[in-house]
PDB file of N, CA and C in Angstrom:
ATOM      1  N   UNK A   1    -153.501 140.794  48.012  1.00  0.00           N
ATOM      2  CA  UNK A   1    -152.495 139.911  48.397  1.00  0.00           C
ATOM      3  C   UNK A   1    -152.636 139.996  50.020  1.00  0.00           C
ATOM      4  N   UNK A   2    -152.718 138.730  50.493  1.00  0.00           N
ATOM      5  CA  UNK A   2    -152.780 138.607  52.086  1.00  0.00           C
ATOM      6  C   UNK A   2    -151.464 138.637  52.882  1.00  0.00           C
ATOM      7  N   UNK A   3    -151.446 138.638  54.240  1.00  0.00           N
ATOM      8  CA  UNK A   3    -150.403 138.895  54.865  1.00  0.00           C
ATOM      9  C   UNK A   3    -149.350 137.776  54.683  1.00  0.00           C
ATOM     10  N   UNK A   4    -149.593 136.719  54.516  1.00  0.00           N
ATOM     11  CA  UNK A   4    -148.611 135.724  54.177  1.00  0.00           C
ATOM     12  C   UNK A   4    -147.746 135.941  53.086  1.00  0.00           C
ATOM     13  N   UNK A   5    -148.470 136.187  51.940  1.00  0.00           N
ATOM     14  CA  UNK A   5    -147.710 136.782  50.676  1.00  0.00           C
ATOM     15  C   UNK A   5    -146.912 138.017  51.053  1.00  0.00           C
ATOM     16  N   UNK A   6    -147.419 138.900  51.678  1.00  0.00           N
ATOM     17  CA  UNK A   6    -146.433 140.021  51.787  1.00  0.00           C
ATOM     18  C   UNK A   6    -145.491 139.617  52.484  1.00  0.00           C
ATOM     19  N   UNK A   7    -145.510 138.882  53.607  1.00  0.00           N
ATOM     20  CA  UNK A   7    -144.454 138.375  54.459  1.00  0.00           C
ATOM     21  C   UNK A   7    -143.406 137.568  53.666  1.00  0.00           C
ATOM     22  N   UNK A   8    -143.791 136.741  52.833  1.00  0.00           N
ATOM     23  CA  UNK A   8    -142.791 135.949  51.964  1.00  0.00           C
ATOM     24  C   UNK A   8    -142.156 136.986  51.044  1.00  0.00           C
ATOM     25  N   UNK A   9    -142.863 137.992  50.552  1.00  0.00           N
ATOM     26  CA  UNK A   9    -142.217 139.052  49.540  1.00  0.00           C
ATOM     27  C   UNK A   9    -141.153 139.639  50.342  1.00  0.00           C
ATOM     28  N   UNK A  10    -141.472 140.135  51.606  1.00  0.00           N
ATOM     29  CA  UNK A  10    -140.501 140.695  52.434  1.00  0.00           C
ATOM     30  C   UNK A  10    -139.405 139.945  52.499  1.00  0.00           C
ATOM     31  N   UNK A  11    -139.380 138.610  53.117  1.00  0.00           N
ATOM     32  CA  UNK A  11    -138.466 137.664  53.359  1.00  0.00           C
ATOM     33  C   UNK A  11    -137.601 137.332  52.232  1.00  0.00           C
ATOM     34  N   UNK A  12    -138.306 137.116  51.203  1.00  0.00           N
ATOM     35  CA  UNK A  12    -137.570 136.959  49.680  1.00  0.00           C
ATOM     36  C   UNK A  12    -136.718 138.182  49.458  1.00  0.00           C
ATOM     37  N   UNK A  13    -137.025 139.320  49.395  1.00  0.00           N
ATOM     38  CA  UNK A  13    -136.355 140.468  49.261  1.00  0.00           C
ATOM     39  C   UNK A  13    -135.077 140.555  50.222  1.00  0.00           C
ATOM     40  N   UNK A  14    -135.490 140.327  51.496  1.00  0.00           N
ATOM     41  CA  UNK A  14    -134.479 140.358  52.488  1.00  0.00           C
ATOM     42  C   UNK A  14    -133.336 139.216  52.061  1.00  0.00           C
ATOM     43  N   UNK A  15    -133.689 137.972  51.794  1.00  0.00           N
ATOM     44  CA  UNK A  15    -132.784 137.013  51.523  1.00  0.00           C
ATOM     45  C   UNK A  15    -131.838 137.411  50.385  1.00  0.00           C
ATOM     46  N   UNK A  16    -132.515 137.962  49.239  1.00  0.00           N
ATOM     47  CA  UNK A  16    -131.849 138.496  48.013  1.00  0.00           C
ATOM     48  C   UNK A  16    -130.927 139.536  48.489  1.00  0.00           C
ATOM     49  N   UNK A  17    -131.329 140.584  49.317  1.00  0.00           N
ATOM     50  CA  UNK A  17    -130.584 141.513  49.677  1.00  0.00           C
ATOM     51  C   UNK A  17    -129.106 141.046  50.517  1.00  0.00           C
ATOM     52  N   UNK A  18    -129.349 140.184  51.344  1.00  0.00           N
ATOM     53  CA  UNK A  18    -128.217 139.563  52.018  1.00  0.00           C
ATOM     54  C   UNK A  18    -127.198 138.870  51.152  1.00  0.00           C
ATOM     55  N   UNK A  19    -128.084 137.793  50.328  1.00  0.00           N
ATOM     56  CA  UNK A  19    -127.146 137.307  49.300  1.00  0.00           C
ATOM     57  C   UNK A  19    -126.132 138.124  48.463  1.00  0.00           C
ATOM     58  N   UNK A  20    -126.810 139.009  47.832  1.00  0.00           N
ATOM     59  CA  UNK A  20    -125.998 140.013  47.005  1.00  0.00           C
ATOM     60  C   UNK A  20    -125.027 140.804  47.920  1.00  0.00           C
ATOM     61  N   UNK A  21    -125.389 141.120  49.201  1.00  0.00           N
ATOM     62  CA  UNK A  21    -124.356 141.800  50.103  1.00  0.00           C
ATOM     63  C   UNK A  21    -123.099 140.892  50.283  1.00  0.00           C
ATOM     64  N   UNK A  22    -123.484 139.772  50.591  1.00  0.00           N
ATOM     65  CA  UNK A  22    -122.320 138.695  50.873  1.00  0.00           C
ATOM     66  C   UNK A  22    -121.576 138.616  49.638  1.00  0.00           C
ATOM     67  N   UNK A  23    -121.964 138.374  48.412  1.00  0.00           N
ATOM     68  CA  UNK A  23    -121.194 138.187  47.238  1.00  0.00           C
ATOM     69  C   UNK A  23    -120.374 139.632  46.960  1.00  0.00           C
ATOM     70  N   UNK A  24    -120.837 140.758  47.132  1.00  0.00           N
ATOM     71  CA  UNK A  24    -120.116 141.906  47.045  1.00  0.00           C
ATOM     72  C   UNK A  24    -118.757 141.841  48.016  1.00  0.00           C
ATOM     73  N   UNK A  25    -119.202 141.458  49.276  1.00  0.00           N
ATOM     74  CA  UNK A  25    -118.159 141.642  50.200  1.00  0.00           C
ATOM     75  C   UNK A  25    -117.139 140.510  49.796  1.00  0.00           C
ATOM     76  N   UNK A  26    -117.344 139.398  49.531  1.00  0.00           N
ATOM     77  CA  UNK A  26    -116.618 138.439  48.878  1.00  0.00           C
ATOM     78  C   UNK A  26    -115.580 138.843  47.761  1.00  0.00           C
ATOM     79  N   UNK A  27    -116.271 139.630  46.830  1.00  0.00           N
ATOM     80  CA  UNK A  27    -115.660 140.126  45.520  1.00  0.00           C
ATOM     81  C   UNK A  27    -114.575 141.112  46.102  1.00  0.00           C
ATOM     82  N   UNK A  28    -114.426 141.721  47.165  1.00  0.00           N
ATOM     83  CA  UNK A  28    -113.386 142.481  47.634  1.00  0.00           C
ATOM     84  C   UNK A  28    -112.203 141.685  48.047  1.00  0.00           C
ATOM     85  N   UNK A  29    -112.593 140.512  48.703  1.00  0.00           N
ATOM     86  CA  UNK A  29    -111.528 139.618  49.087  1.00  0.00           C
ATOM     87  C   UNK A  29    -110.837 138.550  47.924  1.00  0.00           C
ATOM     88  N   UNK A  30    -111.613 138.286  46.906  1.00  0.00           N
ATOM     89  CA  UNK A  30    -111.068 137.346  46.045  1.00  0.00           C
ATOM     90  C   UNK A  30    -111.865 137.415  44.708  1.00  0.00           C
ATOM     91  N   UNK A  31    -111.047 136.811  43.838  1.00  0.00           N
ATOM     92  CA  UNK A  31    -111.645 136.961  42.243  1.00  0.00           C
ATOM     93  C   UNK A  31    -113.229 136.121  42.483  1.00  0.00           C
ATOM     94  N   UNK A  32    -114.175 136.763  41.420  1.00  0.00           N
ATOM     95  CA  UNK A  32    -115.358 136.144  41.402  1.00  0.00           C
ATOM     96  C   UNK A  32    -115.362 134.620  41.118  1.00  0.00           C
ATOM     97  N   UNK A  33    -114.492 134.234  40.012  1.00  0.00           N
ATOM     98  CA  UNK A  33    -114.365 132.815  39.645  1.00  0.00           C
ATOM     99  C   UNK A  33    -113.979 131.970  40.975  1.00  0.00           C
ATOM    100  N   UNK A  34    -113.367 132.329  41.930  1.00  0.00           N
ATOM    101  CA  UNK A  34    -113.065 131.616  43.083  1.00  0.00           C
ATOM    102  C   UNK A  34    -114.117 131.783  44.240  1.00  0.00           C
ATOM    103  N   UNK A  35    -115.293 132.247  43.917  1.00  0.00           N
ATOM    104  CA  UNK A  35    -116.492 132.370  44.986  1.00  0.00           C
ATOM    105  C   UNK A  35    -117.437 131.254  44.621  1.00  0.00           C
ATOM    106  N   UNK A  36    -117.782 130.729  45.642  1.00  0.00           N
ATOM    107  CA  UNK A  36    -118.851 129.340  45.583  1.00  0.00           C
ATOM    108  C   UNK A  36    -120.077 129.887  46.217  1.00  0.00           C
ATOM    109  N   UNK A  37    -121.028 129.100  45.916  1.00  0.00           N
ATOM    110  CA  UNK A  37    -122.516 129.374  46.450  1.00  0.00           C
ATOM    111  C   UNK A  37    -122.138 129.106  48.014  1.00  0.00           C
ATOM    112  N   UNK A  38    -121.491 128.176  48.233  1.00  0.00           N
ATOM    113  CA  UNK A  38    -121.171 127.903  49.768  1.00  0.00           C
ATOM    114  C   UNK A  38    -120.528 129.009  50.446  1.00  0.00           C
ATOM    115  N   UNK A  39    -119.720 129.785  49.618  1.00  0.00           N
ATOM    116  CA  UNK A  39    -118.886 130.931  50.325  1.00  0.00           C
ATOM    117  C   UNK A  39    -120.151 131.915  50.412  1.00  0.00           C
ATOM    118  N   UNK A  40    -120.884 132.359  49.718  1.00  0.00           N
ATOM    119  CA  UNK A  40    -121.884 133.204  49.587  1.00  0.00           C
ATOM    120  C   UNK A  40    -122.778 133.052  50.830  1.00  0.00           C
ATOM    121  N   UNK A  41    -123.427 131.778  50.742  1.00  0.00           N
ATOM    122  CA  UNK A  41    -124.382 131.508  51.946  1.00  0.00           C
ATOM    123  C   UNK A  41    -123.744 131.532  53.136  1.00  0.00           C
ATOM    124  N   UNK A  42    -122.449 131.197  53.351  1.00  0.00           N
ATOM    125  CA  UNK A  42    -121.916 131.331  54.823  1.00  0.00           C
ATOM    126  C   UNK A  42    -121.810 132.768  54.942  1.00  0.00           C
ATOM    127  N   UNK A  43    -121.447 133.616  54.077  1.00  0.00           N
ATOM    128  CA  UNK A  43    -121.233 134.932  54.397  1.00  0.00           C
ATOM    129  C   UNK A  43    -122.568 135.558  54.758  1.00  0.00           C
ATOM    130  N   UNK A  44    -123.702 135.199  54.051  1.00  0.00           N
ATOM    131  CA  UNK A  44    -125.043 135.817  54.324  1.00  0.00           C
ATOM    132  C   UNK A  44    -125.907 135.031  55.491  1.00  0.00           C
ATOM    133  N   UNK A  45    -124.949 134.036  55.869  1.00  0.00           N
ATOM    134  CA  UNK A  45    -125.798 133.242  57.066  1.00  0.00           C
ATOM    135  C   UNK A  45    -126.999 132.630  56.650  1.00  0.00           C
ATOM    136  N   UNK A  46    -127.034 132.036  55.349  1.00  0.00           N
ATOM    137  CA  UNK A  46    -128.192 131.168  55.050  1.00  0.00           C
ATOM    138  C   UNK A  46    -127.828 129.993  54.505  1.00  0.00           C
ATOM    139  N   UNK A  47    -128.966 129.131  54.357  1.00  0.00           N
ATOM    140  CA  UNK A  47    -128.522 127.648  53.835  1.00  0.00           C
ATOM    141  C   UNK A  47    -128.720 127.826  52.344  1.00  0.00           C
ATOM    142  N   UNK A  48    -127.966 126.848  51.724  1.00  0.00           N
ATOM    143  CA  UNK A  48    -127.806 126.483  50.135  1.00  0.00           C
ATOM    144  C   UNK A  48    -129.234 126.520  49.377  1.00  0.00           C
ATOM    145  N   UNK A  49    -130.131 125.888  50.143  1.00  0.00           N
ATOM    146  CA  UNK A  49    -131.641 125.708  49.723  1.00  0.00           C
ATOM    147  C   UNK A  49    -132.105 127.185  49.453  1.00  0.00           C
ATOM    148  N   UNK A  50    -132.016 128.036  50.450  1.00  0.00           N
ATOM    149  CA  UNK A  50    -132.453 129.444  50.123  1.00  0.00           C
ATOM    150  C   UNK A  50    -131.780 130.088  49.043  1.00  0.00           C
ATOM    151  N   UNK A  51    -130.577 129.891  48.814  1.00  0.00           N
ATOM    152  CA  UNK A  51    -129.704 130.603  47.448  1.00  0.00           C
ATOM    153  C   UNK A  51    -130.552 129.991  46.246  1.00  0.00           C
ATOM    154  N   UNK A  52    -130.698 128.676  46.413  1.00  0.00           N
ATOM    155  CA  UNK A  52    -131.030 127.978  44.993  1.00  0.00           C
ATOM    156  C   UNK A  52    -132.806 128.456  44.623  1.00  0.00           C
ATOM    157  N   UNK A  53    -133.385 129.006  45.748  1.00  0.00           N
ATOM    158  CA  UNK A  53    -134.777 129.457  45.667  1.00  0.00           C
ATOM    159  C   UNK A  53    -134.916 130.660  44.734  1.00  0.00           C
ATOM    160  N   UNK A  54    -133.500 131.465  44.767  1.00  0.00           N
ATOM    161  CA  UNK A  54    -133.588 132.548  44.041  1.00  0.00           C
ATOM    162  C   UNK A  54    -132.776 132.843  42.928  1.00  0.00           C
ATOM    163  N   UNK A  55    -131.572 131.984  42.937  1.00  0.00           N
ATOM    164  CA  UNK A  55    -130.604 131.822  41.983  1.00  0.00           C
ATOM    165  C   UNK A  55    -130.184 130.649  41.446  1.00  0.00           C
ATOM    166  N   UNK A  56    -129.858 130.491  40.278  1.00  0.00           N
ATOM    167  CA  UNK A  56    -129.373 129.155  39.541  1.00  0.00           C
ATOM    168  C   UNK A  56    -127.781 129.029  40.133  1.00  0.00           C
ATOM    169  N   UNK A  57    -126.940 130.120  40.327  1.00  0.00           N
ATOM    170  CA  UNK A  57    -125.844 129.896  40.397  1.00  0.00           C
ATOM    171  C   UNK A  57    -125.070 131.363  40.726  1.00  0.00           C
ATOM    172  N   UNK A  58    -123.759 131.340  41.075  1.00  0.00           N
ATOM    173  CA  UNK A  58    -123.129 132.523  41.409  1.00  0.00           C
ATOM    174  C   UNK A  58    -123.226 133.750  40.282  1.00  0.00           C
ATOM    175  N   UNK A  59    -123.192 133.204  39.078  1.00  0.00           N
ATOM    176  CA  UNK A  59    -123.359 134.087  37.900  1.00  0.00           C
ATOM    177  C   UNK A  59    -124.637 134.684  37.818  1.00  0.00           C
ATOM    178  N   UNK A  60    -125.732 133.960  38.183  1.00  0.00           N
ATOM    179  CA  UNK A  60    -126.992 134.364  38.157  1.00  0.00           C
ATOM    180  C   UNK A  60    -127.320 135.623  39.339  1.00  0.00           C
ATOM    181  N   UNK A  61    -126.467 135.379  40.438  1.00  0.00           N
ATOM    182  CA  UNK A  61    -126.614 136.262  41.430  1.00  0.00           C
ATOM    183  C   UNK A  61    -125.774 137.573  41.138  1.00  0.00           C
ATOM    184  N   UNK A  62    -124.643 137.601  40.442  1.00  0.00           N
ATOM    185  CA  UNK A  62    -123.782 138.520  39.932  1.00  0.00           C
ATOM    186  C   UNK A  62    -124.655 139.438  38.770  1.00  0.00           C
ATOM    187  N   UNK A  63    -125.350 138.638  37.950  1.00  0.00           N
ATOM    188  CA  UNK A  63    -126.024 139.370  37.057  1.00  0.00           C
ATOM    189  C   UNK A  63    -127.280 140.151  37.809  1.00  0.00           C
ATOM    190  N   UNK A  64    -127.914 139.630  38.618  1.00  0.00           N
ATOM    191  CA  UNK A  64    -128.820 140.199  39.410  1.00  0.00           C
ATOM    192  C   UNK A  64    -128.310 141.682  40.042  1.00  0.00           C
ATOM    193  N   UNK A  65    -127.098 141.615  40.687  1.00  0.00           N
ATOM    194  CA  UNK A  65    -126.234 142.459  41.184  1.00  0.00           C
ATOM    195  C   UNK A  65    -126.254 143.612  40.212  1.00  0.00           C
ATOM    196  N   UNK A  66    -125.724 143.311  38.944  1.00  0.00           N
ATOM    197  CA  UNK A  66    -125.443 144.299  37.821  1.00  0.00           C
ATOM    198  C   UNK A  66    -126.807 144.905  37.547  1.00  0.00           C
ATOM    199  N   UNK A  67    -127.873 144.079  37.333  1.00  0.00           N
ATOM    200  CA  UNK A  67    -129.133 144.772  36.910  1.00  0.00           C
ATOM    201  C   UNK A  67    -129.707 145.741  37.954  1.00  0.00           C
ATOM    202  N   UNK A  68    -129.558 145.391  39.260  1.00  0.00           N
ATOM    203  CA  UNK A  68    -129.921 146.390  40.310  1.00  0.00           C
ATOM    204  C   UNK A  68    -128.977 147.641  40.102  1.00  0.00           C
ATOM    205  N   UNK A  69    -127.724 147.568  39.799  1.00  0.00           N
ATOM    206  CA  UNK A  69    -126.703 148.516  39.750  1.00  0.00           C
ATOM    207  C   UNK A  69    -127.325 149.555  38.452  1.00  0.00           C
ATOM    208  N   UNK A  70    -127.425 148.875  37.252  1.00  0.00           N
ATOM    209  CA  UNK A  70    -127.965 149.800  36.123  1.00  0.00           C
ATOM    210  C   UNK A  70    -129.131 150.134  36.443  1.00  0.00           C
ATOM    211  N   UNK A  71    -130.070 149.770  37.016  1.00  0.00           N
ATOM    212  CA  UNK A  71    -131.343 150.368  37.266  1.00  0.00           C
ATOM    213  C   UNK A  71    -131.315 151.544  38.220  1.00  0.00           C
ATOM    214  N   UNK A  72    -130.380 151.242  39.180  1.00  0.00           N
ATOM    215  CA  UNK A  72    -130.154 152.645  40.055  1.00  0.00           C
ATOM    216  C   UNK A  72    -129.401 153.825  39.381  1.00  0.00           C
ATOM    217  N   UNK A  73    -128.498 153.339  38.664  1.00  0.00           N
ATOM    218  CA  UNK A  73    -127.694 154.251  37.650  1.00  0.00           C
ATOM    219  C   UNK A  73    -128.931 155.061  36.658  1.00  0.00           C
ATOM    220  N   UNK A  74    -129.493 154.352  36.124  1.00  0.00           N
ATOM    221  CA  UNK A  74    -130.723 154.931  35.189  1.00  0.00           C
ATOM    222  C   UNK A  74    -131.550 155.877  35.873  1.00  0.00           C
ATOM    223  N   UNK A  75    -132.030 155.428  36.977  1.00  0.00           N
ATOM    224  CA  UNK A  75    -132.843 156.146  37.934  1.00  0.00           C
ATOM    225  C   UNK A  75    -132.217 157.465  38.329  1.00  0.00           C
ATOM    226  N   UNK A  76    -130.960 157.524  38.696  1.00  0.00           N
ATOM    227  CA  UNK A  76    -130.088 158.680  38.882  1.00  0.00           C
ATOM    228  C   UNK A  76    -129.927 159.674  37.705  1.00  0.00           C
ATOM    229  N   UNK A  77    -129.702 159.117  36.297  1.00  0.00           N
ATOM    230  CA  UNK A  77    -129.726 159.661  35.146  1.00  0.00           C
ATOM    231  C   UNK A  77    -130.976 160.356  34.905  1.00  0.00           C
ATOM    232  N   UNK A  78    -132.013 159.658  35.055  1.00  0.00           N
ATOM    233  CA  UNK A  78    -133.350 160.206  34.690  1.00  0.00           C
ATOM    234  C   UNK A  78    -133.784 161.480  35.588  1.00  0.00           C
ATOM    235  N   UNK A  79    -133.440 161.287  36.978  1.00  0.00           N
ATOM    236  CA  UNK A  79    -133.634 162.596  37.817  1.00  0.00           C
ATOM    237  C   UNK A  79    -132.919 163.753  37.549  1.00  0.00           C
ATOM    238  N   UNK A  80    -131.620 163.417  37.175  1.00  0.00           N
ATOM    239  CA  UNK A  80    -130.824 164.391  36.766  1.00  0.00           C
ATOM    240  C   UNK A  80    -131.181 165.206  35.487  1.00  0.00           C
ATOM    241  N   UNK A  81    -131.984 164.366  34.491  1.00  0.00           N
ATOM    242  CA  UNK A  81    -132.385 164.948  33.232  1.00  0.00           C
ATOM    243  C   UNK A  81    -133.525 165.638  33.476  1.00  0.00           C
ATOM    244  N   UNK A  82    -134.289 165.198  34.482  1.00  0.00           N
ATOM    245  CA  UNK A  82    -135.674 165.932  34.820  1.00  0.00           C
ATOM    246  C   UNK A  82    -135.117 167.541  35.377  1.00  0.00           C
ATOM    247  N   UNK A  83    -134.105 167.531  36.334  1.00  0.00           N
ATOM    248  CA  UNK A  83    -133.816 168.668  36.839  1.00  0.00           C
ATOM    249  C   UNK A  83    -133.063 169.441  35.599  1.00  0.00           C
ATOM    250  N   UNK A  84    -132.415 168.942  34.795  1.00  0.00           N
ATOM    251  CA  UNK A  84    -132.012 169.687  33.664  1.00  0.00           C
ATOM    252  C   UNK A  84    -133.015 170.216  32.870  1.00  0.00           C
ATOM    253  N   UNK A  85    -133.993 169.600  32.444  1.00  0.00           N
ATOM    254  CA  UNK A  85    -135.211 170.226  31.719  1.00  0.00           C
ATOM    255  C   UNK A  85    -135.870 171.026  32.431  1.00  0.00           C
ATOM    256  N   UNK A  86    -135.971 171.177  33.751  1.00  0.00           N
ATOM    257  CA  UNK A  86    -136.794 171.932  34.610  1.00  0.00           C
ATOM    258  C   UNK A  86    -136.010 173.238  34.666  1.00  0.00           C
ATOM    259  N   UNK A  87    -134.545 173.274  35.011  1.00  0.00           N
ATOM    260  CA  UNK A  87    -133.733 174.309  35.264  1.00  0.00           C
ATOM    261  C   UNK A  87    -132.871 174.807  34.209  1.00  0.00           C
ATOM    262  N   UNK A  88    -132.797 174.112  33.066  1.00  0.00           N
ATOM    263  CA  UNK A  88    -132.165 174.755  31.911  1.00  0.00           C
ATOM    264  C   UNK A  88    -130.544 174.559  32.136  1.00  0.00           C
ATOM    265  N   UNK A  89    -130.018 174.036  32.949  1.00  0.00           N
ATOM    266  CA  UNK A  89    -128.679 174.075  33.343  1.00  0.00           C
ATOM    267  C   UNK A  89    -128.212 172.555  33.501  1.00  0.00           C
ATOM    268  N   UNK A  90    -127.299 172.250  33.105  1.00  0.00           N
ATOM    269  CA  UNK A  90    -126.695 170.674  33.300  1.00  0.00           C
ATOM    270  C   UNK A  90    -125.616 170.781  34.470  1.00  0.00           C
ATOM    271  N   UNK A  91    -125.889 170.323  35.708  1.00  0.00           N
ATOM    272  CA  UNK A  91    -125.174 170.057  36.663  1.00  0.00           C
ATOM    273  C   UNK A  91    -124.285 168.656  36.640  1.00  0.00           C
ATOM    274  N   UNK A  92    -123.076 168.813  37.145  1.00  0.00           N
ATOM    275  CA  UNK A  92    -122.377 167.365  37.238  1.00  0.00           C
ATOM    276  C   UNK A  92    -123.408 166.276  38.053  1.00  0.00           C
ATOM    277  N   UNK A  93    -123.370 165.211  37.241  1.00  0.00           N
ATOM    278  CA  UNK A  93    -123.958 163.949  37.921  1.00  0.00           C
ATOM    279  C   UNK A  93    -123.327 163.710  39.204  1.00  0.00           C
TER     280      UNK A  93
END
């Protein structure tokens, strides 16, 4: 992988992170059904074209957020289970 590809990957991850953060912030303020792509991109200070490079719509963005959260939860569970197997006692997660 060359420098340009690495930079694009980093920019892509940063854009996705900002879009997800924007969506989560908006969900604290109003119902998901009332959130538009424009709302998310304005919150993330990005243009709509950038949004559509990564997601088809706000539902796809929400699904990506959910996937990330489930993966993080699974990682925590796996780490906890590894501690349990090594130590023999189950502590609260």
